[in-house]
């Protein structure tokens, strides 16, 4: 193996010396150029995170018409948010009485919720500091909501 490397090195040196000086200046280099990164095609879009909540909703589905697509069952809070990862509405169905943290809820101006929990049950939509921004007493009809300032939902 060592002898083979030596032989290749000697052959390359001899080939270099065998080229006339005038020809070496005008001839293109025999060694390949290092590859350059190819930058073609459309720009890579930034990864857009999907809207989620924790703890997770009891049921989730995607719909072209948001909460209007299916009837919000009695005993549930139904809400929608635009899911940019799928270019459609993501609908969350909530049943458990728990405070949930919202993640990546972006506002398009058309988001809505329906509070069909047990009559007189109150859901509170809370800001970053835990302050109540919107309050809804069941039952309610479709209600528009701005997810921008809302960080938490206190269901029940």
N, C-alpha and C. Protein backbone atom coordinates (compact mmCIF):
# COMPACT_ATOMS: atom_id res chain seq x y z
N UNK A 1 0.82 -1.18 0.00
CA UNK A 1 0.00 0.00 0.00
C UNK A 1 0.87 1.25 0.00
N UNK A 2 1.95 1.25 0.82
CA UNK A 2 2.85 2.38 0.90
C UNK A 2 3.59 2.56 -0.42
N UNK A 3 3.99 1.44 -1.03
CA UNK A 3 4.70 1.50 -2.31
C UNK A 3 3.81 2.10 -3.40
N UNK A 4 2.52 1.75 -3.37
CA UNK A 4 1.57 2.25 -4.37
C UNK A 4 1.43 3.78 -4.26
N UNK A 5 1.33 4.29 -3.04
CA UNK A 5 1.23 5.74 -2.84
C UNK A 5 2.49 6.45 -3.36
N UNK A 6 3.63 5.87 -3.07
CA UNK A 6 4.90 6.45 -3.54
C UNK A 6 4.95 6.47 -5.05
N UNK A 7 4.51 5.40 -5.69
CA UNK A 7 4.49 5.31 -7.15
C UNK A 7 3.58 6.37 -7.76
N UNK A 8 2.42 6.58 -7.18
CA UNK A 8 1.48 7.58 -7.68
C UNK A 8 2.07 8.98 -7.52
N UNK A 9 2.72 9.24 -6.39
CA UNK A 9 3.33 10.55 -6.14
C UNK A 9 4.44 10.82 -7.15
N UNK A 10 5.27 9.84 -7.42
CA UNK A 10 6.37 9.99 -8.38
C UNK A 10 5.82 10.21 -9.78
N UNK A 11 4.76 9.49 -10.15
CA UNK A 11 4.17 9.63 -11.48
C UNK A 11 3.59 11.04 -11.66
N UNK A 12 2.94 11.56 -10.65
CA UNK A 12 2.39 12.91 -10.73
C UNK A 12 3.50 13.95 -10.85
N UNK A 13 4.57 13.77 -10.11
CA UNK A 13 5.70 14.70 -10.17
C UNK A 13 6.34 14.67 -11.55
N UNK A 14 6.52 13.50 -12.12
CA UNK A 14 7.12 13.36 -13.45
C UNK A 14 6.22 14.00 -14.50
N UNK A 15 4.92 13.84 -14.38
CA UNK A 15 3.99 14.43 -15.35
C UNK A 15 4.04 15.95 -15.27
N UNK A 16 4.20 16.48 -14.10
CA UNK A 16 4.27 17.92 -13.92
C UNK A 16 5.54 18.47 -14.56
N UNK A 17 6.65 17.77 -14.39
CA UNK A 17 7.93 18.21 -14.96
C UNK A 17 7.96 18.05 -16.46
N UNK A 18 7.20 17.13 -17.02
CA UNK A 18 7.22 16.85 -18.45
C UNK A 18 6.47 17.91 -19.26
N UNK A 19 5.65 18.73 -18.63
CA UNK A 19 4.88 19.75 -19.35
C UNK A 19 5.80 20.92 -19.67
N UNK A 20 5.88 21.35 -20.94
CA UNK A 20 6.71 22.50 -21.27
C UNK A 20 6.19 23.75 -20.56
N UNK A 21 7.08 24.66 -20.19
CA UNK A 21 6.69 25.84 -19.43
C UNK A 21 5.71 26.72 -20.16
N UNK A 22 5.83 26.87 -21.46
CA UNK A 22 4.88 27.68 -22.22
C UNK A 22 3.51 27.05 -22.25
N UNK A 23 3.45 25.72 -22.35
CA UNK A 23 2.18 25.01 -22.41
C UNK A 23 1.47 25.04 -21.08
N UNK A 24 2.24 24.99 -19.99
CA UNK A 24 1.63 24.95 -18.67
C UNK A 24 0.84 26.22 -18.39
N UNK A 25 1.30 27.33 -18.89
CA UNK A 25 0.61 28.58 -18.65
C UNK A 25 -0.68 28.67 -19.45
N UNK A 26 -0.70 28.06 -20.65
CA UNK A 26 -1.88 28.19 -21.51
C UNK A 26 -2.86 27.04 -21.36
N UNK A 27 -2.43 25.90 -20.87
CA UNK A 27 -3.28 24.73 -20.72
C UNK A 27 -4.14 24.86 -19.46
N UNK A 28 -5.36 24.36 -19.50
CA UNK A 28 -6.17 24.36 -18.28
C UNK A 28 -5.62 23.37 -17.27
N UNK A 29 -5.87 23.62 -16.05
CA UNK A 29 -5.40 22.73 -14.98
C UNK A 29 -6.04 21.37 -15.13
N UNK A 30 -5.28 20.33 -14.84
CA UNK A 30 -5.77 18.97 -14.96
C UNK A 30 -6.55 18.54 -13.72
N UNK A 31 -6.31 19.18 -12.62
CA UNK A 31 -7.00 18.80 -11.39
C UNK A 31 -8.39 19.45 -11.37
N UNK A 32 -9.40 18.72 -10.92
CA UNK A 32 -10.75 19.29 -10.88
C UNK A 32 -10.84 20.39 -9.82
N UNK A 33 -11.70 21.37 -10.08
CA UNK A 33 -11.94 22.45 -9.13
C UNK A 33 -12.81 21.92 -8.00
N UNK A 34 -12.67 22.47 -6.81
CA UNK A 34 -13.55 22.05 -5.73
C UNK A 34 -15.00 22.41 -6.06
N UNK A 35 -15.91 21.54 -5.69
CA UNK A 35 -17.33 21.81 -5.96
C UNK A 35 -17.82 22.98 -5.14
N UNK A 36 -18.67 23.79 -5.77
CA UNK A 36 -19.28 24.90 -5.06
C UNK A 36 -20.73 24.55 -4.78
N UNK A 37 -21.28 25.13 -3.72
CA UNK A 37 -22.68 24.88 -3.39
C UNK A 37 -23.56 25.44 -4.50
N UNK A 38 -24.52 24.67 -4.93
CA UNK A 38 -25.43 25.10 -5.97
C UNK A 38 -26.64 25.73 -5.31
N UNK A 39 -26.93 26.96 -5.64
CA UNK A 39 -28.07 27.68 -5.08
C UNK A 39 -29.08 27.93 -6.19
N UNK A 40 -29.96 27.02 -6.38
CA UNK A 40 -30.99 27.21 -7.40
C UNK A 40 -32.33 26.79 -6.84
N UNK A 41 -33.37 27.17 -7.53
CA UNK A 41 -34.72 26.84 -7.09
C UNK A 41 -35.25 27.88 -6.14
N UNK A 42 -36.49 27.69 -5.66
CA UNK A 42 -37.10 28.67 -4.76
C UNK A 42 -36.41 28.70 -3.40
N UNK A 43 -36.47 29.83 -2.76
CA UNK A 43 -35.90 29.97 -1.42
C UNK A 43 -36.62 29.02 -0.46
N UNK A 44 -35.88 28.48 0.45
CA UNK A 44 -36.46 27.56 1.43
C UNK A 44 -37.24 28.38 2.44
N UNK A 45 -38.51 28.04 2.62
CA UNK A 45 -39.36 28.77 3.55
C UNK A 45 -39.03 28.37 4.98
N UNK A 46 -39.21 29.29 5.87
CA UNK A 46 -39.01 28.99 7.29
C UNK A 46 -40.06 27.98 7.75
N UNK A 47 -39.68 27.13 8.64
CA UNK A 47 -40.60 26.12 9.15
C UNK A 47 -41.66 26.82 10.00
N UNK A 48 -42.91 26.57 9.69
CA UNK A 48 -44.02 27.17 10.41
C UNK A 48 -44.56 26.13 11.38
N UNK A 49 -44.58 26.44 12.68
CA UNK A 49 -45.08 25.45 13.63
C UNK A 49 -46.61 25.36 13.62
N UNK A 50 -47.09 24.18 13.87
CA UNK A 50 -48.53 23.91 13.92
C UNK A 50 -49.10 24.41 15.24
N UNK A 51 -50.33 24.98 15.22
CA UNK A 51 -50.95 25.39 16.48
C UNK A 51 -51.26 24.16 17.35
N UNK A 52 -50.91 24.25 18.64
CA UNK A 52 -51.17 23.16 19.58
C UNK A 52 -51.55 23.76 20.93
N UNK A 53 -51.89 22.91 21.85
CA UNK A 53 -52.16 23.34 23.23
C UNK A 53 -51.74 22.24 24.18
N UNK A 54 -51.47 22.66 25.43
CA UNK A 54 -51.14 21.66 26.43
C UNK A 54 -51.89 21.99 27.72
N UNK A 55 -52.48 21.00 28.36
CA UNK A 55 -52.62 19.64 27.85
C UNK A 55 -53.38 19.62 26.53
N UNK A 56 -53.17 18.57 25.74
CA UNK A 56 -53.80 18.51 24.41
C UNK A 56 -55.33 18.42 24.48
N UNK A 57 -55.97 18.83 23.40
CA UNK A 57 -57.43 18.75 23.29
C UNK A 57 -57.87 17.30 23.26
N UNK A 58 -59.10 17.07 23.68
CA UNK A 58 -59.65 15.71 23.65
C UNK A 58 -59.88 15.24 22.22
N UNK A 59 -60.13 16.20 21.32
CA UNK A 59 -60.34 15.84 19.92
C UNK A 59 -59.88 17.01 19.05
N UNK A 60 -59.31 16.70 17.89
CA UNK A 60 -58.86 17.71 16.93
C UNK A 60 -59.21 17.22 15.53
N UNK A 61 -59.65 18.16 14.69
CA UNK A 61 -59.83 17.83 13.28
C UNK A 61 -59.57 19.08 12.45
N UNK A 62 -59.36 18.90 11.16
CA UNK A 62 -59.11 20.01 10.25
C UNK A 62 -60.31 20.17 9.33
N UNK A 63 -60.65 21.42 9.05
CA UNK A 63 -61.87 21.70 8.30
C UNK A 63 -61.71 22.96 7.46
N UNK A 64 -62.34 22.97 6.30
CA UNK A 64 -62.30 24.17 5.45
C UNK A 64 -63.20 25.26 5.99
N UNK A 65 -64.12 24.93 6.90
CA UNK A 65 -65.03 25.95 7.43
C UNK A 65 -64.96 26.09 8.95
N UNK A 66 -63.91 25.61 9.59
CA UNK A 66 -63.72 25.81 11.02
C UNK A 66 -64.80 25.18 11.87
N UNK A 67 -65.22 25.91 12.93
CA UNK A 67 -66.22 25.37 13.86
C UNK A 67 -67.59 25.22 13.21
N UNK A 68 -67.78 25.78 12.03
CA UNK A 68 -69.07 25.67 11.33
C UNK A 68 -69.26 24.31 10.68
N UNK A 69 -68.17 23.57 10.51
CA UNK A 69 -68.21 22.30 9.78
C UNK A 69 -69.05 21.24 10.47
N UNK A 70 -68.95 21.13 11.76
CA UNK A 70 -69.68 20.11 12.53
C UNK A 70 -70.37 20.80 13.69
N UNK A 71 -71.37 20.18 14.18
CA UNK A 71 -72.08 20.73 15.34
C UNK A 71 -71.21 20.54 16.58
N UNK A 72 -71.07 21.58 17.36
CA UNK A 72 -70.33 21.51 18.62
C UNK A 72 -71.25 20.85 19.64
N UNK A 73 -70.87 19.66 20.08
CA UNK A 73 -71.71 18.88 20.98
C UNK A 73 -71.89 19.54 22.34
N UNK A 74 -73.02 19.25 23.00
CA UNK A 74 -73.26 19.73 24.36
C UNK A 74 -72.18 19.17 25.27
N UNK A 75 -71.69 20.00 26.17
CA UNK A 75 -70.64 19.58 27.09
C UNK A 75 -69.24 19.87 26.57
N UNK A 76 -69.14 20.56 25.42
CA UNK A 76 -67.82 20.84 24.86
C UNK A 76 -67.63 22.33 24.56
N UNK A 77 -66.38 22.72 24.47
CA UNK A 77 -65.99 24.03 23.96
C UNK A 77 -65.27 23.76 22.66
N UNK A 78 -65.73 24.35 21.57
CA UNK A 78 -65.12 24.15 20.26
C UNK A 78 -64.48 25.45 19.81
N UNK A 79 -63.26 25.38 19.33
CA UNK A 79 -62.60 26.58 18.84
C UNK A 79 -61.76 26.25 17.63
N UNK A 80 -61.57 27.28 16.78
CA UNK A 80 -60.74 27.07 15.60
C UNK A 80 -59.63 28.10 15.51
N UNK A 81 -58.57 27.70 14.81
CA UNK A 81 -57.43 28.57 14.55
C UNK A 81 -56.89 28.18 13.17
N UNK A 82 -56.39 29.15 12.43
CA UNK A 82 -55.85 28.87 11.11
C UNK A 82 -54.52 28.14 11.27
N UNK A 83 -54.42 26.98 10.61
CA UNK A 83 -53.21 26.16 10.66
C UNK A 83 -52.43 26.40 9.37
N UNK A 84 -51.36 27.19 9.45
CA UNK A 84 -50.57 27.53 8.27
C UNK A 84 -49.80 26.34 7.73
N UNK A 85 -49.61 25.30 8.53
CA UNK A 85 -48.88 24.12 8.05
C UNK A 85 -49.72 23.32 7.07
N UNK A 86 -51.06 23.47 7.14
CA UNK A 86 -51.98 22.73 6.26
C UNK A 86 -52.87 23.63 5.43
N UNK A 87 -52.80 24.93 5.66
CA UNK A 87 -53.64 25.92 4.95
C UNK A 87 -55.12 25.59 5.10
N UNK A 88 -55.53 25.32 6.32
CA UNK A 88 -56.93 25.05 6.64
C UNK A 88 -57.14 25.34 8.12
N UNK A 89 -58.40 25.25 8.56
CA UNK A 89 -58.72 25.48 9.97
C UNK A 89 -58.44 24.24 10.79
N UNK A 90 -57.83 24.43 11.95
CA UNK A 90 -57.66 23.35 12.92
C UNK A 90 -58.68 23.61 14.00
N UNK A 91 -59.53 22.61 14.27
CA UNK A 91 -60.61 22.74 15.25
C UNK A 91 -60.28 21.88 16.46
N UNK A 92 -60.35 22.50 17.64
CA UNK A 92 -60.09 21.82 18.90
C UNK A 92 -61.42 21.63 19.62
N UNK A 93 -61.67 20.41 20.11
CA UNK A 93 -62.85 20.09 20.90
C UNK A 93 -62.37 19.83 22.33
N UNK A 94 -62.83 20.65 23.28
CA UNK A 94 -62.39 20.55 24.67
C UNK A 94 -63.54 20.12 25.56
N UNK A 95 -63.28 19.14 26.43
CA UNK A 95 -64.30 18.64 27.35
C UNK A 95 -63.88 18.80 28.82
N UNK A 96 -62.62 18.56 29.10
CA UNK A 96 -62.13 18.56 30.48
C UNK A 96 -62.01 19.97 31.04
N UNK A 97 -62.34 20.10 32.33
CA UNK A 97 -62.18 21.38 33.04
C UNK A 97 -60.73 21.51 33.48
N UNK A 98 -59.96 22.24 32.69
CA UNK A 98 -58.54 22.41 32.96
C UNK A 98 -58.06 23.69 32.25
N UNK A 99 -57.01 24.28 32.74
CA UNK A 99 -56.42 25.44 32.07
C UNK A 99 -55.40 24.93 31.07
N UNK A 100 -55.53 25.40 29.84
CA UNK A 100 -54.64 24.96 28.75
C UNK A 100 -53.78 26.12 28.27
N UNK A 101 -52.57 25.80 27.91
CA UNK A 101 -51.63 26.78 27.35
C UNK A 101 -51.67 26.66 25.84
N UNK A 102 -51.80 27.80 25.15
CA UNK A 102 -51.85 27.82 23.70
C UNK A 102 -50.45 28.01 23.12
N UNK A 103 -50.17 27.30 22.03
CA UNK A 103 -48.89 27.41 21.34
C UNK A 103 -49.14 27.67 19.86
N UNK A 104 -48.54 28.71 19.33
CA UNK A 104 -48.60 29.04 17.90
C UNK A 104 -50.01 29.32 17.40
N UNK A 105 -50.82 29.94 18.24
CA UNK A 105 -52.16 30.36 17.82
C UNK A 105 -52.02 31.72 17.15
N UNK A 106 -52.03 31.74 15.84
CA UNK A 106 -51.88 32.98 15.09
C UNK A 106 -53.25 33.50 14.72
N UNK A 107 -53.37 34.79 14.63
CA UNK A 107 -54.65 35.43 14.37
C UNK A 107 -54.75 35.85 12.91
N UNK A 108 -55.84 35.45 12.24
CA UNK A 108 -56.09 35.90 10.87
C UNK A 108 -57.26 36.88 10.85
N UNK A 109 -57.97 36.97 11.97
CA UNK A 109 -59.13 37.85 12.04
C UNK A 109 -60.45 37.12 11.87
N UNK A 110 -60.40 35.82 11.63
CA UNK A 110 -61.63 35.04 11.41
C UNK A 110 -61.81 33.90 12.39
N UNK A 111 -61.01 33.84 13.45
CA UNK A 111 -61.10 32.74 14.40
C UNK A 111 -62.37 32.87 15.24
N UNK A 112 -62.90 31.70 15.64
CA UNK A 112 -64.16 31.68 16.39
C UNK A 112 -64.15 30.55 17.41
N UNK A 113 -65.10 30.64 18.33
CA UNK A 113 -65.33 29.54 19.27
C UNK A 113 -66.82 29.42 19.52
N UNK A 114 -67.22 28.24 20.01
CA UNK A 114 -68.60 27.98 20.43
C UNK A 114 -68.52 27.33 21.80
N UNK A 115 -69.19 27.92 22.80
CA UNK A 115 -69.19 27.38 24.15
C UNK A 115 -70.50 26.61 24.36
N UNK A 116 -70.43 25.28 24.20
CA UNK A 116 -71.60 24.43 24.40
C UNK A 116 -71.43 23.54 25.62
N UNK A 117 -70.74 24.07 26.62
CA UNK A 117 -70.58 23.32 27.86
C UNK A 117 -71.92 23.29 28.58
N UNK A 118 -71.94 22.70 29.74
CA UNK A 118 -73.14 22.67 30.56
C UNK A 118 -73.61 24.11 30.79
N UNK A 119 -74.94 24.37 30.70
CA UNK A 119 -75.43 25.74 30.86
C UNK A 119 -74.85 26.41 32.11
N UNK A 120 -74.50 27.68 31.96
CA UNK A 120 -73.95 28.56 32.99
C UNK A 120 -72.48 28.30 33.30
N UNK A 121 -71.84 27.35 32.59
CA UNK A 121 -70.41 27.12 32.79
C UNK A 121 -69.65 28.26 32.10
N UNK A 122 -68.65 28.78 32.78
CA UNK A 122 -67.90 29.93 32.26
C UNK A 122 -66.51 29.48 31.80
N UNK A 123 -66.16 29.90 30.60
CA UNK A 123 -64.80 29.72 30.08
C UNK A 123 -64.14 31.08 30.04
N UNK A 124 -62.89 31.12 30.47
CA UNK A 124 -62.14 32.38 30.49
C UNK A 124 -60.93 32.25 29.56
N UNK A 125 -60.74 33.24 28.72
CA UNK A 125 -59.59 33.33 27.83
C UNK A 125 -58.63 34.34 28.46
N UNK A 126 -57.43 33.88 28.79
CA UNK A 126 -56.50 34.65 29.61
C UNK A 126 -55.30 35.17 28.83
N UNK A 127 -54.80 36.33 29.27
CA UNK A 127 -53.61 36.93 28.68
C UNK A 127 -52.34 36.34 29.27
N UNK A 128 -51.21 36.86 28.85
CA UNK A 128 -49.90 36.38 29.27
C UNK A 128 -49.74 36.38 30.79
N UNK A 129 -50.27 37.40 31.46
CA UNK A 129 -50.15 37.49 32.91
C UNK A 129 -51.26 36.78 33.67
N UNK A 130 -52.14 36.07 32.97
CA UNK A 130 -53.24 35.36 33.62
C UNK A 130 -54.48 36.20 33.80
N UNK A 131 -54.48 37.42 33.26
CA UNK A 131 -55.65 38.29 33.36
C UNK A 131 -56.73 37.85 32.37
N UNK A 132 -58.00 37.99 32.76
CA UNK A 132 -59.12 37.58 31.90
C UNK A 132 -59.30 38.62 30.80
N UNK A 133 -59.22 38.17 29.54
CA UNK A 133 -59.42 39.05 28.39
C UNK A 133 -60.80 38.87 27.79
N UNK A 134 -61.29 37.63 27.79
CA UNK A 134 -62.61 37.31 27.26
C UNK A 134 -63.23 36.28 28.19
N UNK A 135 -64.52 36.42 28.42
CA UNK A 135 -65.25 35.47 29.26
C UNK A 135 -66.48 35.02 28.49
N UNK A 136 -66.82 33.74 28.56
CA UNK A 136 -67.97 33.21 27.83
C UNK A 136 -68.77 32.27 28.73
N UNK A 137 -70.06 32.53 28.85
CA UNK A 137 -70.94 31.68 29.64
C UNK A 137 -71.75 30.79 28.70
N UNK A 138 -71.75 29.49 29.00
CA UNK A 138 -72.47 28.53 28.15
C UNK A 138 -73.97 28.63 28.39
N UNK A 139 -74.77 28.33 27.39
CA UNK A 139 -74.36 28.08 26.01
C UNK A 139 -74.18 29.39 25.25
N UNK A 140 -73.31 29.36 24.24
CA UNK A 140 -73.12 30.54 23.41
C UNK A 140 -73.18 30.14 21.94
N UNK A 141 -73.38 31.11 21.12
CA UNK A 141 -73.35 30.87 19.67
C UNK A 141 -71.93 31.08 19.19
N UNK A 142 -71.72 30.98 17.90
CA UNK A 142 -70.40 31.22 17.33
C UNK A 142 -69.96 32.64 17.68
N UNK A 143 -68.78 32.75 18.28
CA UNK A 143 -68.26 34.03 18.76
C UNK A 143 -66.88 34.26 18.17
N UNK A 144 -66.63 35.42 17.55
CA UNK A 144 -65.29 35.69 17.03
C UNK A 144 -64.31 35.94 18.18
N UNK A 145 -63.04 35.61 17.94
CA UNK A 145 -62.01 35.81 18.96
C UNK A 145 -60.69 36.15 18.29
N UNK A 146 -59.92 36.99 18.95
CA UNK A 146 -58.58 37.37 18.49
C UNK A 146 -57.58 36.60 19.33
N UNK A 147 -56.89 35.61 18.74
CA UNK A 147 -55.95 34.78 19.49
C UNK A 147 -54.67 35.53 19.83
N UNK A 148 -54.42 36.66 19.19
CA UNK A 148 -53.17 37.40 19.41
C UNK A 148 -52.78 37.57 20.86
N UNK A 149 -53.62 38.16 21.72
CA UNK A 149 -53.21 38.39 23.11
C UNK A 149 -53.51 37.22 24.05
N UNK A 150 -54.15 36.17 23.56
CA UNK A 150 -54.57 35.06 24.44
C UNK A 150 -53.49 33.99 24.52
N UNK A 151 -53.11 33.66 25.76
CA UNK A 151 -52.08 32.66 26.02
C UNK A 151 -52.63 31.39 26.67
N UNK A 152 -53.78 31.52 27.37
CA UNK A 152 -54.34 30.39 28.11
C UNK A 152 -55.86 30.38 27.95
N UNK A 153 -56.43 29.17 28.09
CA UNK A 153 -57.89 29.01 28.14
C UNK A 153 -58.20 28.25 29.42
N UNK A 154 -59.03 28.85 30.28
CA UNK A 154 -59.48 28.19 31.51
C UNK A 154 -60.86 27.64 31.21
N UNK A 155 -60.92 26.35 30.89
CA UNK A 155 -62.19 25.71 30.55
C UNK A 155 -62.86 25.31 31.85
N UNK A 156 -64.08 25.78 32.09
CA UNK A 156 -64.89 25.56 33.30
C UNK A 156 -64.61 26.59 34.33
